[in-house]
Amino acid sequence: IVVYNDAMYGAEVHHFGAGASGLDTVTFPDTDIAALAAGHGCEALTVRGPEDLHAVKEWLSAGPVRPMVLDAKITSDGGSWWLHEAFGH
Protein backbone atom coordinates (compact mmCIF):
# COMPACT_ATOMS: atom_id res chain seq x y z
CA ILE A 1 0.00 0.00 0.00
CA VAL A 2 1.51 3.33 -1.02
CA VAL A 3 0.36 6.54 0.65
CA TYR A 4 1.48 9.67 -1.20
CA ASN A 5 2.00 11.95 1.79
CA ASP A 6 2.32 15.66 1.00
CA ALA A 7 0.79 16.82 4.32
CA MET A 8 -2.20 18.33 2.56
CA TYR A 9 -5.40 17.41 0.81
CA GLY A 10 -3.96 17.59 -2.73
CA ALA A 11 -6.42 19.21 -5.13
CA GLU A 12 -8.25 21.04 -2.35
CA VAL A 13 -5.18 23.23 -1.93
CA HIS A 14 -5.84 24.52 -5.44
CA HIS A 15 -9.51 25.17 -4.65
CA PHE A 16 -8.72 27.17 -1.51
CA GLY A 17 -5.27 28.54 -2.38
CA ALA A 18 -6.38 31.71 -4.10
CA GLY A 19 -9.23 32.43 -1.70
CA ALA A 20 -9.34 34.48 1.45
CA SER A 21 -10.03 31.41 3.59
CA GLY A 22 -6.38 30.32 3.47
CA LEU A 23 -5.04 26.80 3.63
CA ASP A 24 -5.61 25.96 7.30
CA THR A 25 -8.45 23.57 6.52
CA VAL A 26 -6.60 21.63 3.81
CA THR A 27 -3.08 21.27 5.24
CA PHE A 28 -1.98 19.33 8.29
CA PRO A 29 1.21 18.61 10.25
CA ASP A 30 3.48 15.87 8.94
CA THR A 31 2.02 12.55 10.03
CA ASP A 32 4.08 9.40 10.53
CA ILE A 33 1.83 7.09 8.55
CA ALA A 34 4.46 4.33 8.71
CA ALA A 35 4.27 4.34 12.52
CA LEU A 36 0.47 4.21 12.40
CA ALA A 37 0.59 1.26 10.00
CA ALA A 38 3.17 -0.57 12.12
CA GLY A 39 0.91 -0.06 15.12
CA HIS A 40 -1.79 -1.94 13.23
CA GLY A 41 0.47 -4.89 12.47
CA CYS A 42 1.74 -3.95 9.02
CA GLU A 43 5.28 -3.85 7.80
CA ALA A 44 5.89 -0.15 7.28
CA LEU A 45 8.47 2.12 5.74
CA THR A 46 8.94 5.85 5.32
CA VAL A 47 10.22 6.64 1.83
CA ARG A 48 11.92 9.93 1.02
CA GLY A 49 13.85 8.72 -2.02
CA PRO A 50 14.77 5.64 -4.07
CA GLU A 51 17.52 4.74 -1.61
CA ASP A 52 14.82 3.93 0.98
CA LEU A 53 13.22 1.20 -1.14
CA HIS A 54 15.75 -1.55 -0.28
CA ALA A 55 13.44 -2.77 2.50
CA VAL A 56 10.68 -3.45 -0.04
CA LYS A 57 12.96 -5.81 -1.95
CA GLU A 58 13.90 -7.58 1.29
CA TRP A 59 10.22 -7.85 2.27
CA LEU A 60 9.33 -9.36 -1.11
CA SER A 61 12.31 -11.76 -1.02
CA ALA A 62 11.34 -13.03 2.43
CA GLY A 63 7.83 -13.94 1.30
CA PRO A 64 5.41 -11.35 2.64
CA VAL A 65 3.30 -12.48 5.57
CA ARG A 66 1.56 -9.19 6.29
CA PRO A 67 0.87 -6.08 4.25
CA MET A 68 3.47 -3.35 3.79
CA VAL A 69 2.59 0.32 3.91
CA LEU A 70 4.91 2.86 2.29
CA ASP A 71 4.63 6.38 3.65
CA ALA A 72 5.93 8.13 0.53
CA LYS A 73 6.87 11.66 1.50
CA ILE A 74 6.32 13.80 -1.57
CA THR A 75 6.91 17.48 -2.06
CA SER A 76 4.04 19.91 -1.85
CA ASP A 77 5.85 22.32 -4.18
CA GLY A 78 4.64 22.83 -7.70
CA GLY A 79 1.74 20.57 -8.43
CA SER A 80 0.64 19.01 -11.65
CA TRP A 81 0.24 21.01 -14.85
CA TRP A 82 -3.46 20.23 -15.17
CA LEU A 83 -4.25 21.65 -11.71
CA HIS A 84 -2.44 24.86 -12.61
CA GLU A 85 -4.39 24.99 -15.86
CA ALA A 86 -7.74 24.21 -14.21
CA PHE A 87 -7.43 26.59 -11.25
CA GLY A 88 -5.06 29.22 -12.60
CA HIS A 89 -2.49 28.97 -9.79
PDB file of N, CA and C in Angstrom:
ATOM      1  N   ILE A   1       0.862  -1.160   0.000  1.00  0.00           N
ATOM      2  CA  ILE A   1       0.000   0.000   0.000  1.00  0.00           C
ATOM      3  C   ILE A   1       0.910   1.225   0.000  1.00  0.00           C
ATOM      4  N   VAL A   2       0.702   2.120  -0.952  1.00  0.00           N
ATOM      5  CA  VAL A   2       1.513   3.335  -1.023  1.00  0.00           C
ATOM      6  C   VAL A   2       0.633   4.535  -0.699  1.00  0.00           C
ATOM      7  N   VAL A   3       1.052   5.305   0.290  1.00  0.00           N
ATOM      8  CA  VAL A   3       0.361   6.542   0.653  1.00  0.00           C
ATOM      9  C   VAL A   3       1.239   7.698   0.196  1.00  0.00           C
ATOM     10  N   TYR A   4       0.742   8.495  -0.736  1.00  0.00           N
ATOM     11  CA  TYR A   4       1.476   9.675  -1.205  1.00  0.00           C
ATOM     12  C   TYR A   4       1.216  10.797  -0.208  1.00  0.00           C
ATOM     13  N   ASN A   5       2.179  11.071   0.638  1.00  0.00           N
ATOM     14  CA  ASN A   5       2.000  11.949   1.788  1.00  0.00           C
ATOM     15  C   ASN A   5       2.644  13.313   1.535  1.00  0.00           C
ATOM     16  N   ASP A   6       1.815  14.294   1.197  1.00  0.00           N
ATOM     17  CA  ASP A   6       2.322  15.658   0.996  1.00  0.00           C
ATOM     18  C   ASP A   6       1.835  16.608   2.089  1.00  0.00           C
ATOM     19  N   ALA A   7       1.278  16.049   3.168  1.00  0.00           N
ATOM     20  CA  ALA A   7       0.791  16.819   4.320  1.00  0.00           C
ATOM     21  C   ALA A   7      -0.290  17.826   3.944  1.00  0.00           C
ATOM     22  N   MET A   8      -1.070  17.481   2.948  1.00  0.00           N
ATOM     23  CA  MET A   8      -2.196  18.335   2.560  1.00  0.00           C
ATOM     24  C   MET A   8      -3.197  17.505   1.773  1.00  0.00           C
ATOM     25  N   TYR A   9      -4.367  18.066   1.607  1.00  0.00           N
ATOM     26  CA  TYR A   9      -5.396  17.415   0.812  1.00  0.00           C
ATOM     27  C   TYR A   9      -5.269  17.877  -0.630  1.00  0.00           C
ATOM     28  N   GLY A  10      -4.274  17.351  -1.331  1.00  0.00           N
ATOM     29  CA  GLY A  10      -3.961  17.587  -2.734  1.00  0.00           C
ATOM     30  C   GLY A  10      -4.717  18.660  -3.476  1.00  0.00           C
ATOM     31  N   ALA A  11      -5.720  18.275  -4.247  1.00  0.00           N
ATOM     32  CA  ALA A  11      -6.415  19.211  -5.132  1.00  0.00           C
ATOM     33  C   ALA A  11      -7.142  20.310  -4.358  1.00  0.00           C
ATOM     34  N   GLU A  12      -7.540  20.032  -3.133  1.00  0.00           N
ATOM     35  CA  GLU A  12      -8.249  21.042  -2.350  1.00  0.00           C
ATOM     36  C   GLU A  12      -7.391  22.278  -2.124  1.00  0.00           C
ATOM     37  N   VAL A  13      -6.085  22.092  -2.073  1.00  0.00           N
ATOM     38  CA  VAL A  13      -5.180  23.235  -1.925  1.00  0.00           C
ATOM     39  C   VAL A  13      -5.387  24.203  -3.083  1.00  0.00           C
ATOM     40  N   HIS A  14      -5.618  23.666  -4.269  1.00  0.00           N
ATOM     41  CA  HIS A  14      -5.839  24.517  -5.439  1.00  0.00           C
ATOM     42  C   HIS A  14      -7.198  25.201  -5.385  1.00  0.00           C
ATOM     43  N   HIS A  15      -8.188  24.543  -4.794  1.00  0.00           N
ATOM     44  CA  HIS A  15      -9.505  25.165  -4.648  1.00  0.00           C
ATOM     45  C   HIS A  15      -9.459  26.337  -3.667  1.00  0.00           C
ATOM     46  N   PHE A  16      -8.737  26.164  -2.561  1.00  0.00           N
ATOM     47  CA  PHE A  16      -8.724  27.167  -1.505  1.00  0.00           C
ATOM     48  C   PHE A  16      -7.537  28.122  -1.581  1.00  0.00           C
ATOM     49  N   GLY A  17      -6.518  27.781  -2.352  1.00  0.00           N
ATOM     50  CA  GLY A  17      -5.273  28.537  -2.379  1.00  0.00           C
ATOM     51  C   GLY A  17      -5.412  29.999  -2.717  1.00  0.00           C
ATOM     52  N   ALA A  18      -6.254  30.316  -3.672  1.00  0.00           N
ATOM     53  CA  ALA A  18      -6.380  31.706  -4.103  1.00  0.00           C
ATOM     54  C   ALA A  18      -7.411  32.473  -3.285  1.00  0.00           C
ATOM     55  N   GLY A  19      -8.162  31.782  -2.461  1.00  0.00           N
ATOM     56  CA  GLY A  19      -9.230  32.427  -1.701  1.00  0.00           C
ATOM     57  C   GLY A  19      -8.762  33.041  -0.405  1.00  0.00           C
ATOM     58  N   ALA A  20      -9.643  33.798   0.193  1.00  0.00           N
ATOM     59  CA  ALA A  20      -9.342  34.483   1.449  1.00  0.00           C
ATOM     60  C   ALA A  20      -9.342  33.526   2.637  1.00  0.00           C
ATOM     61  N   SER A  21      -9.914  32.334   2.464  1.00  0.00           N
ATOM     62  CA  SER A  21     -10.029  31.410   3.591  1.00  0.00           C
ATOM     63  C   SER A  21      -8.699  30.779   3.989  1.00  0.00           C
ATOM     64  N   GLY A  22      -7.691  30.869   3.140  1.00  0.00           N
ATOM     65  CA  GLY A  22      -6.382  30.317   3.471  1.00  0.00           C
ATOM     66  C   GLY A  22      -6.348  28.808   3.343  1.00  0.00           C
ATOM     67  N   LEU A  23      -5.251  28.236   3.795  1.00  0.00           N
ATOM     68  CA  LEU A  23      -5.038  26.800   3.630  1.00  0.00           C
ATOM     69  C   LEU A  23      -5.145  26.005   4.929  1.00  0.00           C
ATOM     70  N   ASP A  24      -5.560  26.646   6.013  1.00  0.00           N
ATOM     71  CA  ASP A  24      -5.606  25.959   7.302  1.00  0.00           C
ATOM     72  C   ASP A  24      -6.479  24.709   7.295  1.00  0.00           C
ATOM     73  N   THR A  25      -7.544  24.712   6.514  1.00  0.00           N
ATOM     74  CA  THR A  25      -8.454  23.569   6.524  1.00  0.00           C
ATOM     75  C   THR A  25      -8.016  22.435   5.600  1.00  0.00           C
ATOM     76  N   VAL A  26      -7.009  22.658   4.770  1.00  0.00           N
ATOM     77  CA  VAL A  26      -6.603  21.627   3.809  1.00  0.00           C
ATOM     78  C   VAL A  26      -5.148  21.183   3.966  1.00  0.00           C
ATOM     79  N   THR A  27      -4.441  21.722   4.943  1.00  0.00           N
ATOM     80  CA  THR A  27      -3.083  21.270   5.239  1.00  0.00           C
ATOM     81  C   THR A  27      -3.043  20.746   6.668  1.00  0.00           C
ATOM     82  N   PHE A  28      -2.089  19.894   6.953  1.00  0.00           N
ATOM     83  CA  PHE A  28      -1.983  19.330   8.291  1.00  0.00           C
ATOM     84  C   PHE A  28      -0.522  19.033   8.599  1.00  0.00           C
ATOM     85  N   PRO A  29      -0.184  18.891   9.883  1.00  0.00           N
ATOM     86  CA  PRO A  29       1.205  18.605  10.250  1.00  0.00           C
ATOM     87  C   PRO A  29       1.655  17.269   9.659  1.00  0.00           C
ATOM     88  N   ASP A  30       2.949  17.131   9.450  1.00  0.00           N
ATOM     89  CA  ASP A  30       3.477  15.871   8.944  1.00  0.00           C
ATOM     90  C   ASP A  30       3.041  14.738   9.861  1.00  0.00           C
ATOM     91  N   THR A  31       2.514  13.693   9.279  1.00  0.00           N
ATOM     92  CA  THR A  31       2.016  12.546  10.028  1.00  0.00           C
ATOM     93  C   THR A  31       2.882  11.337   9.706  1.00  0.00           C
ATOM     94  N   ASP A  32       3.268  10.601  10.719  1.00  0.00           N
ATOM     95  CA  ASP A  32       4.081   9.402  10.525  1.00  0.00           C
ATOM     96  C   ASP A  32       3.158   8.228  10.221  1.00  0.00           C
ATOM     97  N   ILE A  33       2.763   8.127   8.968  1.00  0.00           N
ATOM     98  CA  ILE A  33       1.834   7.085   8.553  1.00  0.00           C
ATOM     99  C   ILE A  33       2.467   5.704   8.706  1.00  0.00           C
ATOM    100  N   ALA A  34       3.776   5.613   8.521  1.00  0.00           N
ATOM    101  CA  ALA A  34       4.461   4.331   8.708  1.00  0.00           C
ATOM    102  C   ALA A  34       4.306   3.845  10.152  1.00  0.00           C
ATOM    103  N   ALA A  35       4.429   4.730  11.110  1.00  0.00           N
ATOM    104  CA  ALA A  35       4.269   4.344  12.516  1.00  0.00           C
ATOM    105  C   ALA A  35       2.835   3.906  12.802  1.00  0.00           C
ATOM    106  N   LEU A  36       1.872   4.604  12.220  1.00  0.00           N
ATOM    107  CA  LEU A  36       0.472   4.211  12.398  1.00  0.00           C
ATOM    108  C   LEU A  36       0.225   2.822  11.819  1.00  0.00           C
ATOM    109  N   ALA A  37       0.772   2.566  10.632  1.00  0.00           N
ATOM    110  CA  ALA A  37       0.594   1.262   9.996  1.00  0.00           C
ATOM    111  C   ALA A  37       1.259   0.154  10.812  1.00  0.00           C
ATOM    112  N   ALA A  38       2.463   0.421  11.304  1.00  0.00           N
ATOM    113  CA  ALA A  38       3.167  -0.569  12.121  1.00  0.00           C
ATOM    114  C   ALA A  38       2.373  -0.882  13.386  1.00  0.00           C
ATOM    115  N   GLY A  39       1.737   0.129  13.942  1.00  0.00           N
ATOM    116  CA  GLY A  39       0.910  -0.062  15.124  1.00  0.00           C
ATOM    117  C   GLY A  39      -0.310  -0.933  14.872  1.00  0.00           C
ATOM    118  N   HIS A  40      -0.660  -1.085  13.612  1.00  0.00           N
ATOM    119  CA  HIS A  40      -1.790  -1.935  13.229  1.00  0.00           C
ATOM    120  C   HIS A  40      -1.321  -3.268  12.649  1.00  0.00           C
ATOM    121  N   GLY A  41      -0.046  -3.588  12.855  1.00  0.00           N
ATOM    122  CA  GLY A  41       0.468  -4.891  12.475  1.00  0.00           C
ATOM    123  C   GLY A  41       1.033  -5.014  11.076  1.00  0.00           C
ATOM    124  N   CYS A  42       1.176  -3.918  10.373  1.00  0.00           N
ATOM    125  CA  CYS A  42       1.741  -3.955   9.021  1.00  0.00           C
ATOM    126  C   CYS A  42       3.251  -3.778   9.068  1.00  0.00           C
ATOM    127  N   GLU A  43       3.917  -4.279   8.050  1.00  0.00           N
ATOM    128  CA  GLU A  43       5.282  -3.848   7.797  1.00  0.00           C
ATOM    129  C   GLU A  43       5.143  -2.417   7.306  1.00  0.00           C
ATOM    130  N   ALA A  44       6.053  -1.554   7.662  1.00  0.00           N
ATOM    131  CA  ALA A  44       5.893  -0.149   7.280  1.00  0.00           C
ATOM    132  C   ALA A  44       7.246   0.496   7.044  1.00  0.00           C
ATOM    133  N   LEU A  45       7.236   1.465   6.132  1.00  0.00           N
ATOM    134  CA  LEU A  45       8.474   2.115   5.741  1.00  0.00           C
ATOM    135  C   LEU A  45       8.179   3.548   5.325  1.00  0.00           C
ATOM    136  N   THR A  46       8.995   4.477   5.797  1.00  0.00           N
ATOM    137  CA  THR A  46       8.936   5.854   5.315  1.00  0.00           C
ATOM    138  C   THR A  46       9.904   5.975   4.154  1.00  0.00           C
ATOM    139  N   VAL A  47       9.413   6.516   3.037  1.00  0.00           N
ATOM    140  CA  VAL A  47      10.225   6.638   1.825  1.00  0.00           C
ATOM    141  C   VAL A  47      10.372   8.110   1.476  1.00  0.00           C
ATOM    142  N   ARG A  48      11.620   8.557   1.431  1.00  0.00           N
ATOM    143  CA  ARG A  48      11.920   9.930   1.016  1.00  0.00           C
ATOM    144  C   ARG A  48      12.663   9.969  -0.316  1.00  0.00           C
ATOM    145  N   GLY A  49      13.131   8.808  -0.758  1.00  0.00           N
ATOM    146  CA  GLY A  49      13.852   8.716  -2.023  1.00  0.00           C
ATOM    147  C   GLY A  49      14.075   7.261  -2.388  1.00  0.00           C
ATOM    148  N   PRO A  50      14.562   7.009  -3.595  1.00  0.00           N
ATOM    149  CA  PRO A  50      14.770   5.637  -4.066  1.00  0.00           C
ATOM    150  C   PRO A  50      15.672   4.806  -3.156  1.00  0.00           C
ATOM    151  N   GLU A  51      16.598   5.464  -2.495  1.00  0.00           N
ATOM    152  CA  GLU A  51      17.517   4.736  -1.610  1.00  0.00           C
ATOM    153  C   GLU A  51      16.801   4.077  -0.433  1.00  0.00           C
ATOM    154  N   ASP A  52      15.582   4.499  -0.137  1.00  0.00           N
ATOM    155  CA  ASP A  52      14.817   3.928   0.978  1.00  0.00           C
ATOM    156  C   ASP A  52      14.059   2.661   0.597  1.00  0.00           C
ATOM    157  N   LEU A  53      14.052   2.308  -0.670  1.00  0.00           N
ATOM    158  CA  LEU A  53      13.225   1.197  -1.138  1.00  0.00           C
ATOM    159  C   LEU A  53      13.861  -0.182  -0.964  1.00  0.00           C
ATOM    160  N   HIS A  54      15.087  -0.255  -0.460  1.00  0.00           N
ATOM    161  CA  HIS A  54      15.746  -1.554  -0.277  1.00  0.00           C
ATOM    162  C   HIS A  54      14.929  -2.484   0.603  1.00  0.00           C
ATOM    163  N   ALA A  55      14.236  -1.944   1.590  1.00  0.00           N
ATOM    164  CA  ALA A  55      13.442  -2.766   2.503  1.00  0.00           C
ATOM    165  C   ALA A  55      12.277  -3.442   1.785  1.00  0.00           C
ATOM    166  N   VAL A  56      11.771  -2.832   0.727  1.00  0.00           N
ATOM    167  CA  VAL A  56      10.682  -3.447  -0.037  1.00  0.00           C
ATOM    168  C   VAL A  56      11.193  -4.718  -0.715  1.00  0.00           C
ATOM    169  N   LYS A  57      12.371  -4.645  -1.294  1.00  0.00           N
ATOM    170  CA  LYS A  57      12.962  -5.813  -1.947  1.00  0.00           C
ATOM    171  C   LYS A  57      13.186  -6.935  -0.933  1.00  0.00           C
ATOM    172  N   GLU A  58      13.680  -6.579   0.241  1.00  0.00           N
ATOM    173  CA  GLU A  58      13.899  -7.578   1.294  1.00  0.00           C
ATOM    174  C   GLU A  58      12.582  -8.201   1.731  1.00  0.00           C
ATOM    175  N   TRP A  59      11.549  -7.374   1.871  1.00  0.00           N
ATOM    176  CA  TRP A  59      10.221  -7.848   2.270  1.00  0.00           C
ATOM    177  C   TRP A  59       9.678  -8.825   1.232  1.00  0.00           C
ATOM    178  N   LEU A  60       9.813  -8.480  -0.045  1.00  0.00           N
ATOM    179  CA  LEU A  60       9.334  -9.358  -1.114  1.00  0.00           C
ATOM    180  C   LEU A  60      10.133 -10.662  -1.162  1.00  0.00           C
ATOM    181  N   SER A  61      11.445 -10.575  -0.977  1.00  0.00           N
ATOM    182  CA  SER A  61      12.307 -11.761  -1.016  1.00  0.00           C
ATOM    183  C   SER A  61      12.003 -12.730   0.120  1.00  0.00           C
ATOM    184  N   ALA A  62      11.614 -12.200   1.262  1.00  0.00           N
ATOM    185  CA  ALA A  62      11.337 -13.025   2.434  1.00  0.00           C
ATOM    186  C   ALA A  62       9.994 -13.741   2.344  1.00  0.00           C
ATOM    187  N   GLY A  63       9.171 -13.360   1.388  1.00  0.00           N
ATOM    188  CA  GLY A  63       7.833 -13.941   1.298  1.00  0.00           C
ATOM    189  C   GLY A  63       6.903 -13.224   2.254  1.00  0.00           C
ATOM    190  N   PRO A  64       6.237 -12.183   1.775  1.00  0.00           N
ATOM    191  CA  PRO A  64       5.406 -11.347   2.645  1.00  0.00           C
ATOM    192  C   PRO A  64       4.365 -12.148   3.426  1.00  0.00           C
ATOM    193  N   VAL A  65       4.284 -11.858   4.707  1.00  0.00           N
ATOM    194  CA  VAL A  65       3.299 -12.482   5.574  1.00  0.00           C
ATOM    195  C   VAL A  65       2.191 -11.489   5.909  1.00  0.00           C
ATOM    196  N   ARG A  66       2.545 -10.237   5.978  1.00  0.00           N
ATOM    197  CA  ARG A  66       1.564  -9.194   6.295  1.00  0.00           C
ATOM    198  C   ARG A  66       1.758  -8.033   5.329  1.00  0.00           C
ATOM    199  N   PRO A  67       0.771  -7.181   5.215  1.00  0.00           N
ATOM    200  CA  PRO A  67       0.872  -6.076   4.250  1.00  0.00           C
ATOM    201  C   PRO A  67       1.990  -5.103   4.601  1.00  0.00           C
ATOM    202  N   MET A  68       2.479  -4.414   3.585  1.00  0.00           N
ATOM    203  CA  MET A  68       3.465  -3.355   3.790  1.00  0.00           C
ATOM    204  C   MET A  68       2.845  -2.029   3.373  1.00  0.00           C
ATOM    205  N   VAL A  69       3.049  -1.031   4.203  1.00  0.00           N
ATOM    206  CA  VAL A  69       2.589   0.323   3.910  1.00  0.00           C
ATOM    207  C   VAL A  69       3.817   1.201   3.705  1.00  0.00           C
ATOM    208  N   LEU A  70       3.840   1.907   2.570  1.00  0.00           N
ATOM    209  CA  LEU A  70       4.912   2.857   2.288  1.00  0.00           C
ATOM    210  C   LEU A  70       4.378   4.261   2.488  1.00  0.00           C
ATOM    211  N   ASP A  71       4.956   4.977   3.420  1.00  0.00           N
ATOM    212  CA  ASP A  71       4.626   6.383   3.655  1.00  0.00           C
ATOM    213  C   ASP A  71       5.559   7.191   2.758  1.00  0.00           C
ATOM    214  N   ALA A  72       5.101   7.454   1.538  1.00  0.00           N
ATOM    215  CA  ALA A  72       5.926   8.131   0.533  1.00  0.00           C
ATOM    216  C   ALA A  72       5.815   9.639   0.712  1.00  0.00           C
ATOM    217  N   LYS A  73       6.846  10.218   1.281  1.00  0.00           N
ATOM    218  CA  LYS A  73       6.870  11.664   1.505  1.00  0.00           C
ATOM    219  C   LYS A  73       7.132  12.348   0.168  1.00  0.00           C
ATOM    220  N   ILE A  74       6.168  13.098  -0.291  1.00  0.00           N
ATOM    221  CA  ILE A  74       6.321  13.797  -1.566  1.00  0.00           C
ATOM    222  C   ILE A  74       6.280  15.293  -1.323  1.00  0.00           C
ATOM    223  N   THR A  75       6.851  16.031  -2.220  1.00  0.00           N
ATOM    224  CA  THR A  75       6.913  17.478  -2.064  1.00  0.00           C
ATOM    225  C   THR A  75       5.553  18.109  -2.317  1.00  0.00           C
ATOM    226  N   SER A  76       5.281  19.168  -1.622  1.00  0.00           N
ATOM    227  CA  SER A  76       4.037  19.907  -1.853  1.00  0.00           C
ATOM    228  C   SER A  76       4.283  21.084  -2.786  1.00  0.00           C
ATOM    229  N   ASP A  77       5.515  21.235  -3.248  1.00  0.00           N
ATOM    230  CA  ASP A  77       5.849  22.319  -4.176  1.00  0.00           C
ATOM    231  C   ASP A  77       5.342  21.997  -5.573  1.00  0.00           C
ATOM    232  N   GLY A  78       4.989  23.013  -6.287  1.00  0.00           N
ATOM    233  CA  GLY A  78       4.638  22.834  -7.698  1.00  0.00           C
ATOM    234  C   GLY A  78       3.225  22.363  -7.900  1.00  0.00           C
ATOM    235  N   GLY A  79       3.044  21.110  -8.106  1.00  0.00           N
ATOM    236  CA  GLY A  79       1.740  20.565  -8.435  1.00  0.00           C
ATOM    237  C   GLY A  79       1.705  20.177  -9.896  1.00  0.00           C
ATOM    238  N   SER A  80       0.696  19.479 -10.267  1.00  0.00           N
ATOM    239  CA  SER A  80       0.641  19.012 -11.649  1.00  0.00           C
ATOM    240  C   SER A  80       0.169  20.115 -12.590  1.00  0.00           C
ATOM    241  N   TRP A  81       0.556  20.003 -13.840  1.00  0.00           N
ATOM    242  CA  TRP A  81       0.238  21.013 -14.850  1.00  0.00           C
ATOM    243  C   TRP A  81      -1.258  21.196 -15.005  1.00  0.00           C
ATOM    244  N   TRP A  82      -2.026  20.104 -14.923  1.00  0.00           N
ATOM    245  CA  TRP A  82      -3.462  20.232 -15.172  1.00  0.00           C
ATOM    246  C   TRP A  82      -4.167  20.973 -14.038  1.00  0.00           C
ATOM    247  N   LEU A  83      -3.656  20.870 -12.802  1.00  0.00           N
ATOM    248  CA  LEU A  83      -4.251  21.647 -11.712  1.00  0.00           C
ATOM    249  C   LEU A  83      -3.972  23.131 -11.903  1.00  0.00           C
ATOM    250  N   HIS A  84      -2.768  23.454 -12.336  1.00  0.00           N
ATOM    251  CA  HIS A  84      -2.445  24.855 -12.613  1.00  0.00           C
ATOM    252  C   HIS A  84      -3.344  25.394 -13.724  1.00  0.00           C
ATOM    253  N   GLU A  85      -3.550  24.575 -14.745  1.00  0.00           N
ATOM    254  CA  GLU A  85      -4.394  24.993 -15.864  1.00  0.00           C
ATOM    255  C   GLU A  85      -5.854  25.129 -15.433  1.00  0.00           C
ATOM    256  N   ALA A  86      -6.332  24.202 -14.623  1.00  0.00           N
ATOM    257  CA  ALA A  86      -7.737  24.209 -14.209  1.00  0.00           C
ATOM    258  C   ALA A  86      -8.061  25.332 -13.230  1.00  0.00           C
ATOM    259  N   PHE A  87      -7.130  25.631 -12.307  1.00  0.00           N
ATOM    260  CA  PHE A  87      -7.426  26.591 -11.250  1.00  0.00           C
ATOM    261  C   PHE A  87      -6.659  27.898 -11.380  1.00  0.00           C
ATOM    262  N   GLY A  88      -5.762  27.973 -12.330  1.00  0.00           N
ATOM    263  CA  GLY A  88      -5.064  29.225 -12.600  1.00  0.00           C
ATOM    264  C   GLY A  88      -4.017  29.620 -11.584  1.00  0.00           C
ATOM    265  N   HIS A  89      -3.567  28.682 -10.757  1.00  0.00           N
ATOM    266  CA  HIS A  89      -2.492  28.967  -9.789  1.00  0.00           C
ATOM    267  C   HIS A  89      -1.758  27.714  -9.450  1.00  0.00           C
TER     268      HIS A  89
END
